[in-house]
Amino acid sequence: MEEQPGDYVSYLLRMWRTSRENPWRASLEDPRTGERVGFGSLEALWEFLHGKTEATLPKDATEANLEHERQLS
């Protein structure tokens, strides 16, 4: 199976919080470029990752995922 550009992504994930009362924060670092992206919440991290992977999904897979999310709500 030939790997296409965008079919593989790796990040170094760091997560922390300054106290139990504060939300988790996270950063992702691209090991190839050293570029870092910071997130003030786990929800923001998830949205970023979802956006990165959704761009590579076929349209029918994206629609199936949306339907699955609607059923969970």
C-alpha atoms as a PDB file:
ATOM      1  CA  MET A   1       0.000   0.000   0.000  1.00  0.00           C
ATOM      2  CA  GLU A   2       1.547   3.256  -1.113  1.00  0.00           C
ATOM      3  CA  GLU A   3       1.494   6.031   1.455  1.00  0.00           C
ATOM      4  CA  GLN A   4       0.149   9.323   0.123  1.00  0.00           C
ATOM      5  CA  PRO A   5       1.198  12.730   1.458  1.00  0.00           C
ATOM      6  CA  GLY A   6      -1.010  13.500   4.429  1.00  0.00           C
ATOM      7  CA  ASP A   7      -1.700   9.810   5.207  1.00  0.00           C
ATOM      8  CA  TYR A   8       0.714   9.784   8.135  1.00  0.00           C
ATOM      9  CA  VAL A   9       1.202  12.432  10.781  1.00  0.00           C
ATOM     10  CA  SER A  10       3.231  12.238  13.960  1.00  0.00           C
ATOM     11  CA  TYR A  11       3.427  14.668  16.842  1.00  0.00           C
ATOM     12  CA  LEU A  12       5.051  14.806  20.232  1.00  0.00           C
ATOM     13  CA  LEU A  13       2.160  15.428  22.644  1.00  0.00           C
ATOM     14  CA  ARG A  14       2.715  17.270  25.920  1.00  0.00           C
ATOM     15  CA  MET A  15      -0.087  17.727  28.458  1.00  0.00           C
ATOM     16  CA  TRP A  16      -0.065  19.563  31.780  1.00  0.00           C
ATOM     17  CA  ARG A  17      -2.113  21.533  34.254  1.00  0.00           C
ATOM     18  CA  THR A  18      -0.901  23.948  36.870  1.00  0.00           C
ATOM     19  CA  SER A  19      -3.292  22.665  39.542  1.00  0.00           C
ATOM     20  CA  ARG A  20      -6.162  20.230  39.888  1.00  0.00           C
ATOM     21  CA  GLU A  21      -8.615  23.120  39.603  1.00  0.00           C
ATOM     22  CA  ASN A  22      -7.220  24.286  36.261  1.00  0.00           C
ATOM     23  CA  PRO A  23      -7.979  22.703  32.892  1.00  0.00           C
ATOM     24  CA  TRP A  24      -5.510  20.521  31.058  1.00  0.00           C
ATOM     25  CA  ARG A  25      -3.385  22.258  28.462  1.00  0.00           C
ATOM     26  CA  ALA A  26      -1.510  20.624  25.628  1.00  0.00           C
ATOM     27  CA  SER A  27       1.029  21.207  22.907  1.00  0.00           C
ATOM     28  CA  LEU A  28       1.883  19.265  19.797  1.00  0.00           C
ATOM     29  CA  GLU A  29       5.325  19.375  18.224  1.00  0.00           C
ATOM     30  CA  ASP A  30       6.072  18.197  14.708  1.00  0.00           C
ATOM     31  CA  PRO A  31       9.266  16.136  15.079  1.00  0.00           C
ATOM     32  CA  ARG A  32      10.315  16.850  11.485  1.00  0.00           C
ATOM     33  CA  THR A  33      10.068  20.637  11.647  1.00  0.00           C
ATOM     34  CA  GLY A  34      10.068  21.455  15.367  1.00  0.00           C
ATOM     35  CA  GLU A  35       6.888  23.513  14.866  1.00  0.00           C
ATOM     36  CA  ARG A  36       4.744  23.665  18.016  1.00  0.00           C
ATOM     37  CA  VAL A  37       1.054  24.346  18.428  1.00  0.00           C
ATOM     38  CA  GLY A  38      -0.408  25.100  21.864  1.00  0.00           C
ATOM     39  CA  PHE A  39      -3.921  24.411  23.156  1.00  0.00           C
ATOM     40  CA  GLY A  40      -5.694  25.874  26.167  1.00  0.00           C
ATOM     41  CA  SER A  41      -8.006  22.891  26.493  1.00  0.00           C
ATOM     42  CA  LEU A  42      -8.302  19.260  25.479  1.00  0.00           C
ATOM     43  CA  GLU A  43     -11.335  20.212  23.388  1.00  0.00           C
ATOM     44  CA  ALA A  44      -9.180  22.601  21.338  1.00  0.00           C
ATOM     45  CA  LEU A  45      -6.596  19.837  20.871  1.00  0.00           C
ATOM     46  CA  TRP A  46      -9.311  17.440  19.661  1.00  0.00           C
ATOM     47  CA  GLU A  47     -10.692  20.048  17.225  1.00  0.00           C
ATOM     48  CA  PHE A  48      -7.221  20.560  15.764  1.00  0.00           C
ATOM     49  CA  LEU A  49      -6.615  16.817  15.317  1.00  0.00           C
ATOM     50  CA  HIS A  50     -10.096  16.284  13.931  1.00  0.00           C
ATOM     51  CA  GLY A  51      -9.513  19.052  11.400  1.00  0.00           C
ATOM     52  CA  LYS A  52      -6.185  17.556  10.335  1.00  0.00           C
ATOM     53  CA  THR A  53      -7.620  14.089   9.812  1.00  0.00           C
ATOM     54  CA  GLU A  54     -10.979  15.112   8.363  1.00  0.00           C
ATOM     55  CA  ALA A  55      -9.195  16.811   5.476  1.00  0.00           C
ATOM     56  CA  THR A  56      -7.792  13.414   4.467  1.00  0.00           C
ATOM     57  CA  LEU A  57     -10.996  11.353   4.805  1.00  0.00           C
ATOM     58  CA  PRO A  58     -13.112  10.457   1.799  1.00  0.00           C
ATOM     59  CA  LYS A  59     -16.443  12.275   1.714  1.00  0.00           C
ATOM     60  CA  ASP A  60     -18.506   9.175   2.527  1.00  0.00           C
ATOM     61  CA  ALA A  61     -16.362   8.420   5.610  1.00  0.00           C
ATOM     62  CA  THR A  62     -16.804  11.996   6.826  1.00  0.00           C
ATOM     63  CA  GLU A  63     -20.576  11.776   6.410  1.00  0.00           C
ATOM     64  CA  ALA A  64     -20.669   8.434   8.260  1.00  0.00           C
ATOM     65  CA  ASN A  65     -18.675   9.952  11.111  1.00  0.00           C
ATOM     66  CA  LEU A  66     -21.052  12.909  11.372  1.00  0.00           C
ATOM     67  CA  GLU A  67     -24.021  10.543  11.502  1.00  0.00           C
ATOM     68  CA  HIS A  68     -22.317   8.531  14.240  1.00  0.00           C
ATOM     69  CA  GLU A  69     -21.688  11.724  16.263  1.00  0.00           C
ATOM     70  CA  ARG A  70     -25.366  12.727  15.882  1.00  0.00           C
ATOM     71  CA  GLN A  71     -26.445   9.344  17.269  1.00  0.00           C
ATOM     72  CA  LEU A  72     -24.204   9.801  20.309  1.00  0.00           C
ATOM     73  CA  SER A  73     -25.685  13.222  21.113  1.00  0.00           C
END
